[in-house]
Amino acid sequence: MKKFKKGQSTLEYVIILAAVVGAIIAVAAMFKPKLVTTYDSLSNTMQGTVGRVNFN
């Protein structure tokens, strides 16, 4: 009986890649609300600062 080592290795790499991609998506979903809040706060601060600048 022949062994399909190349096919087995490829499958192992695909499984590892899927696990890594899944972990990245999970971490991104976890941090998304905090990032949105931070970017909104930064945007509001920048708008307020630009509004106070006098260009005369």
N, C-alpha and C. Protein backbone atom coordinates (compact mmCIF):
# COMPACT_ATOMS: atom_id res chain seq x y z
N MET A 1 0.84 -1.17 0.00
CA MET A 1 0.00 0.00 0.00
C MET A 1 0.89 1.25 0.00
N LYS A 2 0.57 2.20 -0.87
CA LYS A 2 1.35 3.43 -0.97
C LYS A 2 0.96 4.41 0.13
N LYS A 3 1.95 5.13 0.57
CA LYS A 3 1.67 6.20 1.55
C LYS A 3 1.68 7.53 0.81
N PHE A 4 0.73 8.38 1.13
CA PHE A 4 0.62 9.68 0.49
C PHE A 4 1.12 10.75 1.46
N LYS A 5 2.44 10.80 1.65
CA LYS A 5 3.01 11.76 2.60
C LYS A 5 2.83 13.19 2.14
N LYS A 6 2.96 13.46 0.84
CA LYS A 6 2.82 14.81 0.34
C LYS A 6 1.40 15.33 0.60
N GLY A 7 0.42 14.52 0.32
CA GLY A 7 -0.97 14.91 0.57
C GLY A 7 -1.24 15.10 2.04
N GLN A 8 -0.65 14.28 2.86
CA GLN A 8 -0.84 14.40 4.30
C GLN A 8 -0.20 15.69 4.80
N SER A 9 0.99 16.02 4.35
CA SER A 9 1.65 17.25 4.78
C SER A 9 0.86 18.47 4.35
N THR A 10 0.34 18.44 3.12
CA THR A 10 -0.45 19.56 2.62
C THR A 10 -1.69 19.75 3.48
N LEU A 11 -2.35 18.69 3.82
CA LEU A 11 -3.54 18.77 4.66
C LEU A 11 -3.19 19.34 6.05
N GLU A 12 -2.07 18.92 6.59
CA GLU A 12 -1.65 19.45 7.89
C GLU A 12 -1.41 20.96 7.81
N TYR A 13 -0.78 21.42 6.75
CA TYR A 13 -0.54 22.86 6.58
C TYR A 13 -1.85 23.62 6.41
N VAL A 14 -2.78 23.05 5.70
CA VAL A 14 -4.08 23.70 5.51
C VAL A 14 -4.81 23.81 6.85
N ILE A 15 -4.76 22.79 7.65
CA ILE A 15 -5.41 22.81 8.96
C ILE A 15 -4.76 23.86 9.86
N ILE A 16 -3.43 23.93 9.86
CA ILE A 16 -2.73 24.94 10.66
C ILE A 16 -3.08 26.34 10.18
N LEU A 17 -3.09 26.54 8.86
CA LEU A 17 -3.44 27.84 8.30
C LEU A 17 -4.85 28.25 8.68
N ALA A 18 -5.78 27.31 8.63
CA ALA A 18 -7.16 27.60 9.01
C ALA A 18 -7.25 27.98 10.49
N ALA A 19 -6.49 27.32 11.34
CA ALA A 19 -6.50 27.65 12.76
C ALA A 19 -5.92 29.04 13.01
N VAL A 20 -4.85 29.39 12.30
CA VAL A 20 -4.25 30.71 12.46
C VAL A 20 -5.19 31.80 11.98
N VAL A 21 -5.82 31.60 10.83
CA VAL A 21 -6.78 32.57 10.31
C VAL A 21 -7.96 32.71 11.26
N GLY A 22 -8.45 31.61 11.79
CA GLY A 22 -9.54 31.66 12.76
C GLY A 22 -9.16 32.43 14.01
N ALA A 23 -7.94 32.25 14.48
CA ALA A 23 -7.47 32.97 15.66
C ALA A 23 -7.37 34.47 15.38
N ILE A 24 -6.87 34.83 14.21
CA ILE A 24 -6.77 36.24 13.84
C ILE A 24 -8.16 36.88 13.78
N ILE A 25 -9.11 36.19 13.19
CA ILE A 25 -10.48 36.71 13.11
C ILE A 25 -11.08 36.86 14.50
N ALA A 26 -10.85 35.89 15.37
CA ALA A 26 -11.39 35.97 16.73
C ALA A 26 -10.79 37.14 17.50
N VAL A 27 -9.50 37.34 17.38
CA VAL A 27 -8.85 38.45 18.09
C VAL A 27 -9.34 39.79 17.53
N ALA A 28 -9.47 39.88 16.22
CA ALA A 28 -9.97 41.11 15.60
C ALA A 28 -11.39 41.42 16.07
N ALA A 29 -12.22 40.41 16.16
CA ALA A 29 -13.60 40.62 16.62
C ALA A 29 -13.63 41.05 18.08
N MET A 30 -12.68 40.56 18.87
CA MET A 30 -12.63 40.91 20.28
C MET A 30 -12.22 42.38 20.48
N PHE A 31 -11.27 42.85 19.68
CA PHE A 31 -10.74 44.20 19.85
C PHE A 31 -11.48 45.26 19.05
N LYS A 32 -12.36 44.88 18.14
CA LYS A 32 -13.03 45.85 17.28
C LYS A 32 -13.80 46.92 18.05
N PRO A 33 -14.62 46.60 19.04
CA PRO A 33 -15.34 47.66 19.75
C PRO A 33 -14.41 48.68 20.41
N LYS A 34 -13.33 48.23 21.00
CA LYS A 34 -12.38 49.14 21.64
C LYS A 34 -11.69 50.02 20.61
N LEU A 35 -11.33 49.45 19.47
CA LEU A 35 -10.68 50.24 18.42
C LEU A 35 -11.62 51.30 17.86
N VAL A 36 -12.88 50.94 17.66
CA VAL A 36 -13.85 51.90 17.14
C VAL A 36 -14.01 53.06 18.12
N THR A 37 -14.12 52.75 19.40
CA THR A 37 -14.24 53.79 20.42
C THR A 37 -13.00 54.69 20.43
N THR A 38 -11.84 54.10 20.34
CA THR A 38 -10.59 54.88 20.35
C THR A 38 -10.51 55.79 19.13
N TYR A 39 -10.82 55.27 17.95
CA TYR A 39 -10.76 56.09 16.74
C TYR A 39 -11.80 57.21 16.77
N ASP A 40 -12.99 56.94 17.28
CA ASP A 40 -14.01 57.98 17.39
C ASP A 40 -13.55 59.08 18.35
N SER A 41 -12.97 58.71 19.46
CA SER A 41 -12.47 59.68 20.42
C SER A 41 -11.35 60.52 19.82
N LEU A 42 -10.44 59.88 19.13
CA LEU A 42 -9.34 60.59 18.48
C LEU A 42 -9.86 61.56 17.42
N SER A 43 -10.82 61.11 16.65
CA SER A 43 -11.42 61.97 15.61
C SER A 43 -12.09 63.19 16.22
N ASN A 44 -12.84 63.00 17.28
CA ASN A 44 -13.51 64.12 17.94
C ASN A 44 -12.50 65.10 18.53
N THR A 45 -11.43 64.59 19.11
CA THR A 45 -10.40 65.45 19.67
C THR A 45 -9.73 66.28 18.58
N MET A 46 -9.42 65.64 17.46
CA MET A 46 -8.78 66.35 16.35
C MET A 46 -9.70 67.41 15.76
N GLN A 47 -10.98 67.10 15.61
CA GLN A 47 -11.93 68.08 15.08
C GLN A 47 -12.04 69.28 16.01
N GLY A 48 -12.08 69.04 17.29
CA GLY A 48 -12.15 70.14 18.26
C GLY A 48 -10.91 71.01 18.23
N THR A 49 -9.75 70.40 18.09
CA THR A 49 -8.50 71.15 18.05
C THR A 49 -8.40 71.98 16.78
N VAL A 50 -8.76 71.43 15.65
CA VAL A 50 -8.72 72.16 14.39
C VAL A 50 -9.73 73.31 14.42
N GLY A 51 -10.86 73.13 15.05
CA GLY A 51 -11.87 74.18 15.14
C GLY A 51 -11.39 75.37 15.95
N ARG A 52 -10.48 75.18 16.88
CA ARG A 52 -9.98 76.28 17.71
C ARG A 52 -8.83 77.03 17.08
N VAL A 53 -8.24 76.51 16.01
CA VAL A 53 -7.09 77.15 15.39
C VAL A 53 -7.54 78.33 14.56
N ASN A 54 -6.84 79.46 14.71
CA ASN A 54 -7.15 80.68 13.96
C ASN A 54 -6.10 80.81 12.87
N PHE A 55 -6.53 80.81 11.61
CA PHE A 55 -5.60 80.85 10.49
C PHE A 55 -5.37 82.27 9.96
N ASN A 56 -5.55 83.29 10.76
CA ASN A 56 -5.32 84.68 10.32
C ASN A 56 -3.89 85.06 10.43
